[in-house]
């Protein structure tokens, strides 16, 4: 089935409504760490470009005073928190607190006052304080960047929606090691869970509210 037919099918069934963007705004940057930036580890595809596109986004968020949160996958040094995710992807166990591959890329280094969530599963919300931290700051629209689109980004977006935040996924600030899953998951998130816009379109829309 062509994408055009897919869109028509979803529209006929009532999917794809645009979420109204509301302030306050928060920014969640998911797993932009060295290991996901490196094609020889967990990277590839369009992740490097997504990181580059996120650098001015983060600067803008700080200028505007948005609540900013980052996430990284961090397993215990002795792998005591080994779980089903790491059974499925054993290489995730190499992401320890002090390992280079688990560190947030230098160009997106968190600033003082920005939350850094450590997780051992795809969603940045599952088993963490992220939802409470965003709610305490009154966040209604949650801008999402990060990696990978088909994994941790998607899982976090679904949870954000379920916690009552309005996800705004920036299509050119999220990346995946393979482009087909990237495109398919952007389409699916737009139809069911989030608003999906390019960075500049999103910032223009947010400036208008």
C-alpha atoms as a PDB file:
ATOM      1  CA  UNK A   1       0.000   0.000   0.000  1.00  0.00           C
ATOM      2  CA  UNK A   2       1.366   3.443  -0.850  1.00  0.00           C
ATOM      3  CA  UNK A   3       1.871   6.060   1.853  1.00  0.00           C
ATOM      4  CA  UNK A   4      -0.790   8.189   0.181  1.00  0.00           C
ATOM      5  CA  UNK A   5      -3.304   5.395   0.628  1.00  0.00           C
ATOM      6  CA  UNK A   6      -2.064   4.846   4.178  1.00  0.00           C
ATOM      7  CA  UNK A   7      -2.692   8.489   5.060  1.00  0.00           C
ATOM      8  CA  UNK A   8      -6.172   8.338   3.553  1.00  0.00           C
ATOM      9  CA  UNK A   9      -6.982   5.213   5.554  1.00  0.00           C
ATOM     10  CA  UNK A  10      -5.809   6.770   8.819  1.00  0.00           C
ATOM     11  CA  UNK A  11      -7.633  10.034   8.102  1.00  0.00           C
ATOM     12  CA  UNK A  12     -10.861   8.204   7.288  1.00  0.00           C
ATOM     13  CA  UNK A  13     -10.646   6.418  10.623  1.00  0.00           C
ATOM     14  CA  UNK A  14     -10.046   9.656  12.542  1.00  0.00           C
ATOM     15  CA  UNK A  15      -6.315   9.429  13.217  1.00  0.00           C
ATOM     16  CA  UNK A  16      -3.743  12.185  12.814  1.00  0.00           C
ATOM     17  CA  UNK A  17      -5.420  15.086  14.608  1.00  0.00           C
ATOM     18  CA  UNK A  18      -2.975  17.924  15.326  1.00  0.00           C
ATOM     19  CA  UNK A  19      -2.389  18.502  19.027  1.00  0.00           C
ATOM     20  CA  UNK A  20      -2.790  22.110  20.143  1.00  0.00           C
ATOM     21  CA  UNK A  21       0.538  23.312  21.477  1.00  0.00           C
ATOM     22  CA  UNK A  22       0.364  24.906  24.917  1.00  0.00           C
ATOM     23  CA  UNK A  23       2.878  26.548  27.228  1.00  0.00           C
ATOM     24  CA  UNK A  24       4.863  25.921  29.381  1.00  0.00           C
ATOM     25  CA  UNK A  25       7.233  24.044  27.087  1.00  0.00           C
ATOM     26  CA  UNK A  26       9.829  21.444  28.017  1.00  0.00           C
ATOM     27  CA  UNK A  27      12.588  19.760  26.036  1.00  0.00           C
ATOM     28  CA  UNK A  28      13.546  16.092  26.345  1.00  0.00           C
ATOM     29  CA  UNK A  29      16.782  14.964  24.641  1.00  0.00           C
ATOM     30  CA  UNK A  30      16.884  11.181  24.571  1.00  0.00           C
ATOM     31  CA  UNK A  31      20.130   9.189  24.585  1.00  0.00           C
ATOM     32  CA  UNK A  32      22.317  11.467  22.497  1.00  0.00           C
ATOM     33  CA  UNK A  33      25.374   9.772  23.954  1.00  0.00           C
ATOM     34  CA  UNK A  34      28.719   8.882  22.421  1.00  0.00           C
ATOM     35  CA  UNK A  35      27.755   5.280  21.740  1.00  0.00           C
ATOM     36  CA  UNK A  36      24.714   6.287  19.707  1.00  0.00           C
ATOM     37  CA  UNK A  37      26.713   8.932  17.861  1.00  0.00           C
ATOM     38  CA  UNK A  38      29.270   6.347  16.749  1.00  0.00           C
ATOM     39  CA  UNK A  39      28.318   4.125  13.766  1.00  0.00           C
ATOM     40  CA  UNK A  40      30.808   1.527  15.026  1.00  0.00           C
ATOM     41  CA  UNK A  41      28.871   1.144  18.287  1.00  0.00           C
ATOM     42  CA  UNK A  42      25.112   1.845  18.236  1.00  0.00           C
ATOM     43  CA  UNK A  43      24.941   4.701  15.710  1.00  0.00           C
ATOM     44  CA  UNK A  44      24.676   5.244  11.979  1.00  0.00           C
ATOM     45  CA  UNK A  45      21.859   6.384   9.722  1.00  0.00           C
ATOM     46  CA  UNK A  46      20.898   9.997  10.356  1.00  0.00           C
ATOM     47  CA  UNK A  47      21.840  10.196  14.048  1.00  0.00           C
ATOM     48  CA  UNK A  48      24.861  12.457  13.549  1.00  0.00           C
ATOM     49  CA  UNK A  49      22.773  14.994  11.637  1.00  0.00           C
ATOM     50  CA  UNK A  50      20.043  14.854  14.272  1.00  0.00           C
ATOM     51  CA  UNK A  51      22.622  15.678  16.954  1.00  0.00           C
ATOM     52  CA  UNK A  52      23.890  18.622  14.906  1.00  0.00           C
ATOM     53  CA  UNK A  53      20.326  19.887  14.452  1.00  0.00           C
ATOM     54  CA  UNK A  54      19.702  19.624  18.192  1.00  0.00           C
ATOM     55  CA  UNK A  55      22.603  21.887  19.194  1.00  0.00           C
ATOM     56  CA  UNK A  56      20.818  25.145  18.213  1.00  0.00           C
ATOM     57  CA  UNK A  57      17.554  23.707  19.563  1.00  0.00           C
ATOM     58  CA  UNK A  58      19.101  23.280  22.998  1.00  0.00           C
ATOM     59  CA  UNK A  59      20.520  26.800  22.873  1.00  0.00           C
ATOM     60  CA  UNK A  60      17.061  28.139  22.014  1.00  0.00           C
ATOM     61  CA  UNK A  61      15.448  26.150  24.849  1.00  0.00           C
ATOM     62  CA  UNK A  62      17.902  27.620  27.329  1.00  0.00           C
ATOM     63  CA  UNK A  63      17.300  31.161  26.061  1.00  0.00           C
ATOM     64  CA  UNK A  64      13.556  30.647  26.471  1.00  0.00           C
ATOM     65  CA  UNK A  65      13.852  29.143  29.939  1.00  0.00           C
ATOM     66  CA  UNK A  66      12.291  25.805  29.034  1.00  0.00           C
ATOM     67  CA  UNK A  67      12.586  22.897  31.421  1.00  0.00           C
ATOM     68  CA  UNK A  68      15.306  20.704  29.855  1.00  0.00           C
ATOM     69  CA  UNK A  69      15.856  17.011  30.542  1.00  0.00           C
ATOM     70  CA  UNK A  70      18.329  14.541  29.076  1.00  0.00           C
ATOM     71  CA  UNK A  71      18.388  10.748  29.274  1.00  0.00           C
ATOM     72  CA  UNK A  72      21.129   8.150  29.044  1.00  0.00           C
ATOM     73  CA  UNK A  73      21.184   4.373  29.338  1.00  0.00           C
ATOM     74  CA  UNK A  74      23.276   3.371  32.356  1.00  0.00           C
ATOM     75  CA  UNK A  75      23.602  -0.156  33.746  1.00  0.00           C
ATOM     76  CA  UNK A  76      25.244  -1.039  37.038  1.00  0.00           C
ATOM     77  CA  UNK A  77      28.961  -1.816  36.913  1.00  0.00           C
ATOM     78  CA  UNK A  78      28.232  -5.411  37.997  1.00  0.00           C
ATOM     79  CA  UNK A  79      25.193  -5.702  35.665  1.00  0.00           C
ATOM     80  CA  UNK A  80      22.968  -6.429  38.672  1.00  0.00           C
ATOM     81  CA  UNK A  81      20.150  -4.597  36.876  1.00  0.00           C
ATOM     82  CA  UNK A  82      20.447  -6.811  33.777  1.00  0.00           C
ATOM     83  CA  UNK A  83      16.917  -7.039  32.328  1.00  0.00           C
ATOM     84  CA  UNK A  84      14.867  -8.184  29.326  1.00  0.00           C
ATOM     85  CA  UNK A  85      16.043  -5.208  27.251  1.00  0.00           C
ATOM     86  CA  UNK A  86      19.672  -6.185  27.781  1.00  0.00           C
ATOM     87  CA  UNK A  87      18.842  -9.828  27.071  1.00  0.00           C
ATOM     88  CA  UNK A  88      17.478  -8.713  23.720  1.00  0.00           C
ATOM     89  CA  UNK A  89      20.366  -6.286  23.075  1.00  0.00           C
ATOM     90  CA  UNK A  90      23.322  -7.546  25.168  1.00  0.00           C
ATOM     91  CA  UNK A  91      25.570  -4.716  24.042  1.00  0.00           C
ATOM     92  CA  UNK A  92      23.524  -2.300  26.151  1.00  0.00           C
ATOM     93  CA  UNK A  93      25.277  -3.723  29.209  1.00  0.00           C
ATOM     94  CA  UNK A  94      28.453  -1.964  28.086  1.00  0.00           C
ATOM     95  CA  UNK A  95      26.813   1.371  28.897  1.00  0.00           C
ATOM     96  CA  UNK A  96      28.044   1.967  32.446  1.00  0.00           C
ATOM     97  CA  UNK A  97      28.130   5.177  34.447  1.00  0.00           C
ATOM     98  CA  UNK A  98      31.733   6.088  33.665  1.00  0.00           C
ATOM     99  CA  UNK A  99      32.093   4.573  30.188  1.00  0.00           C
ATOM    100  CA  UNK A 100      32.767   6.912  27.276  1.00  0.00           C
ATOM    101  CA  UNK A 101      29.933   5.431  25.205  1.00  0.00           C
ATOM    102  CA  UNK A 102      27.316   6.182  27.861  1.00  0.00           C
ATOM    103  CA  UNK A 103      28.301   9.857  28.240  1.00  0.00           C
ATOM    104  CA  UNK A 104      26.188  12.571  26.645  1.00  0.00           C
ATOM    105  CA  UNK A 105      27.930  14.020  23.583  1.00  0.00           C
ATOM    106  CA  UNK A 106      30.030  17.044  24.444  1.00  0.00           C
ATOM    107  CA  UNK A 107      28.117  19.470  22.231  1.00  0.00           C
ATOM    108  CA  UNK A 108      24.940  18.750  24.243  1.00  0.00           C
ATOM    109  CA  UNK A 109      26.507  18.680  27.707  1.00  0.00           C
ATOM    110  CA  UNK A 110      23.771  19.311  30.295  1.00  0.00           C
ATOM    111  CA  UNK A 111      23.831  22.645  32.067  1.00  0.00           C
ATOM    112  CA  UNK A 112      23.255  23.243  35.759  1.00  0.00           C
ATOM    113  CA  UNK A 113      19.596  22.764  36.611  1.00  0.00           C
ATOM    114  CA  UNK A 114      18.882  20.394  33.723  1.00  0.00           C
ATOM    115  CA  UNK A 115      17.695  16.921  34.691  1.00  0.00           C
ATOM    116  CA  UNK A 116      19.724  13.888  33.608  1.00  0.00           C
ATOM    117  CA  UNK A 117      17.670  10.686  33.722  1.00  0.00           C
ATOM    118  CA  UNK A 118      19.474   7.353  33.969  1.00  0.00           C
ATOM    119  CA  UNK A 119      17.498   4.408  32.621  1.00  0.00           C
ATOM    120  CA  UNK A 120      17.885   0.732  31.718  1.00  0.00           C
ATOM    121  CA  UNK A 121      14.884   0.420  29.381  1.00  0.00           C
ATOM    122  CA  UNK A 122      13.805   2.327  26.261  1.00  0.00           C
ATOM    123  CA  UNK A 123      11.408   4.852  27.846  1.00  0.00           C
ATOM    124  CA  UNK A 124      12.883   7.832  29.683  1.00  0.00           C
ATOM    125  CA  UNK A 125       9.753   7.795  31.868  1.00  0.00           C
ATOM    126  CA  UNK A 126       9.636   4.171  33.009  1.00  0.00           C
ATOM    127  CA  UNK A 127      10.870   3.870  36.591  1.00  0.00           C
ATOM    128  CA  UNK A 128      12.290   7.408  36.665  1.00  0.00           C
ATOM    129  CA  UNK A 129      11.333  10.782  38.168  1.00  0.00           C
ATOM    130  CA  UNK A 130      10.949  12.442  34.756  1.00  0.00           C
ATOM    131  CA  UNK A 131       7.147  12.749  34.719  1.00  0.00           C
ATOM    132  CA  UNK A 132       7.042  14.266  38.197  1.00  0.00           C
ATOM    133  CA  UNK A 133       9.910  16.637  37.383  1.00  0.00           C
ATOM    134  CA  UNK A 134       8.146  17.926  34.253  1.00  0.00           C
ATOM    135  CA  UNK A 135       4.794  18.193  36.034  1.00  0.00           C
ATOM    136  CA  UNK A 136       6.357  20.196  38.868  1.00  0.00           C
ATOM    137  CA  UNK A 137       7.484  22.711  36.249  1.00  0.00           C
ATOM    138  CA  UNK A 138       4.037  22.846  34.688  1.00  0.00           C
ATOM    139  CA  UNK A 139       5.133  21.489  31.316  1.00  0.00           C
ATOM    140  CA  UNK A 140       2.294  20.932  28.856  1.00  0.00           C
ATOM    141  CA  UNK A 141       4.099  20.634  25.508  1.00  0.00           C
ATOM    142  CA  UNK A 142       7.143  18.378  25.503  1.00  0.00           C
ATOM    143  CA  UNK A 143       9.544  18.884  22.610  1.00  0.00           C
ATOM    144  CA  UNK A 144      11.384  15.650  21.839  1.00  0.00           C
ATOM    145  CA  UNK A 145      14.789  15.095  20.246  1.00  0.00           C
ATOM    146  CA  UNK A 146      17.089  12.099  20.447  1.00  0.00           C
ATOM    147  CA  UNK A 147      17.846   8.550  19.416  1.00  0.00           C
ATOM    148  CA  UNK A 148      16.703   6.216  18.209  1.00  0.00           C
ATOM    149  CA  UNK A 149      13.416   7.141  16.559  1.00  0.00           C
ATOM    150  CA  UNK A 150      12.083   3.584  16.445  1.00  0.00           C
ATOM    151  CA  UNK A 151      13.210   2.673  19.960  1.00  0.00           C
ATOM    152  CA  UNK A 152      13.811   4.950  22.931  1.00  0.00           C
ATOM    153  CA  UNK A 153      12.263   7.993  21.243  1.00  0.00           C
ATOM    154  CA  UNK A 154       9.050   6.191  20.368  1.00  0.00           C
ATOM    155  CA  UNK A 155       8.785   4.539  23.793  1.00  0.00           C
ATOM    156  CA  UNK A 156       9.301   7.875  25.538  1.00  0.00           C
ATOM    157  CA  UNK A 157       6.787   9.657  23.304  1.00  0.00           C
ATOM    158  CA  UNK A 158       4.096   7.057  24.019  1.00  0.00           C
ATOM    159  CA  UNK A 159       4.719   7.379  27.758  1.00  0.00           C
ATOM    160  CA  UNK A 160       4.760  11.185  27.563  1.00  0.00           C
ATOM    161  CA  UNK A 161       1.332  11.096  25.943  1.00  0.00           C
ATOM    162  CA  UNK A 162       0.067   8.644  28.553  1.00  0.00           C
ATOM    163  CA  UNK A 163       1.277  10.935  31.352  1.00  0.00           C
ATOM    164  CA  UNK A 164      -0.703  13.817  29.851  1.00  0.00           C
ATOM    165  CA  UNK A 165       2.061  15.774  28.105  1.00  0.00           C
ATOM    166  CA  UNK A 166       1.636  16.926  24.501  1.00  0.00           C
ATOM    167  CA  UNK A 167       4.584  15.430  22.602  1.00  0.00           C
ATOM    168  CA  UNK A 168       6.100  17.514  19.812  1.00  0.00           C
ATOM    169  CA  UNK A 169       8.606  15.348  17.955  1.00  0.00           C
ATOM    170  CA  UNK A 170      11.139  17.228  15.850  1.00  0.00           C
ATOM    171  CA  UNK A 171      11.622  15.073  12.762  1.00  0.00           C
ATOM    172  CA  UNK A 172      15.086  16.420  11.971  1.00  0.00           C
ATOM    173  CA  UNK A 173      16.279  16.273  15.598  1.00  0.00           C
ATOM    174  CA  UNK A 174      15.552  12.573  16.073  1.00  0.00           C
ATOM    175  CA  UNK A 175      17.623   9.920  14.367  1.00  0.00           C
ATOM    176  CA  UNK A 176      17.883   6.202  13.786  1.00  0.00           C
ATOM    177  CA  UNK A 177      20.589   3.821  12.625  1.00  0.00           C
ATOM    178  CA  UNK A 178      18.284   2.836   9.753  1.00  0.00           C
ATOM    179  CA  UNK A 179      16.097   5.254   7.810  1.00  0.00           C
ATOM    180  CA  UNK A 180      13.133   2.993   7.070  1.00  0.00           C
ATOM    181  CA  UNK A 181      12.316   2.484  10.783  1.00  0.00           C
ATOM    182  CA  UNK A 182      12.900   6.214  11.328  1.00  0.00           C
ATOM    183  CA  UNK A 183      10.358   7.193   8.679  1.00  0.00           C
ATOM    184  CA  UNK A 184       7.824   4.537   9.661  1.00  0.00           C
ATOM    185  CA  UNK A 185       7.887   5.512  13.317  1.00  0.00           C
ATOM    186  CA  UNK A 186       7.596   9.230  12.598  1.00  0.00           C
ATOM    187  CA  UNK A 187       4.498   8.430  10.536  1.00  0.00           C
ATOM    188  CA  UNK A 188       3.022   6.261  13.287  1.00  0.00           C
ATOM    189  CA  UNK A 189       3.738   8.742  16.085  1.00  0.00           C
ATOM    190  CA  UNK A 190       2.146  11.537  14.070  1.00  0.00           C
ATOM    191  CA  UNK A 191      -0.976   9.486  13.513  1.00  0.00           C
ATOM    192  CA  UNK A 192      -1.443   8.338  17.123  1.00  0.00           C
ATOM    193  CA  UNK A 193       0.648  10.008  19.789  1.00  0.00           C
ATOM    194  CA  UNK A 194       2.331  13.297  18.857  1.00  0.00           C
ATOM    195  CA  UNK A 195       2.669  16.297  16.623  1.00  0.00           C
ATOM    196  CA  UNK A 196       5.621  15.841  14.264  1.00  0.00           C
ATOM    197  CA  UNK A 197       7.317  18.899  12.748  1.00  0.00           C
ATOM    198  CA  UNK A 198      10.776  19.875  11.581  1.00  0.00           C
ATOM    199  CA  UNK A 199      12.748  21.989  14.055  1.00  0.00           C
ATOM    200  CA  UNK A 200      12.245  25.362  12.393  1.00  0.00           C
ATOM    201  CA  UNK A 201       8.534  24.738  11.830  1.00  0.00           C
ATOM    202  CA  UNK A 202       8.143  23.742  15.455  1.00  0.00           C
ATOM    203  CA  UNK A 203       9.969  26.775  16.834  1.00  0.00           C
ATOM    204  CA  UNK A 204       7.840  29.054  14.663  1.00  0.00           C
ATOM    205  CA  UNK A 205       4.669  27.357  15.916  1.00  0.00           C
ATOM    206  CA  UNK A 206       5.792  27.608  19.542  1.00  0.00           C
ATOM    207  CA  UNK A 207       6.661  31.283  19.154  1.00  0.00           C
ATOM    208  CA  UNK A 208       3.105  31.922  18.019  1.00  0.00           C
ATOM    209  CA  UNK A 209       1.447  30.667  21.220  1.00  0.00           C
END
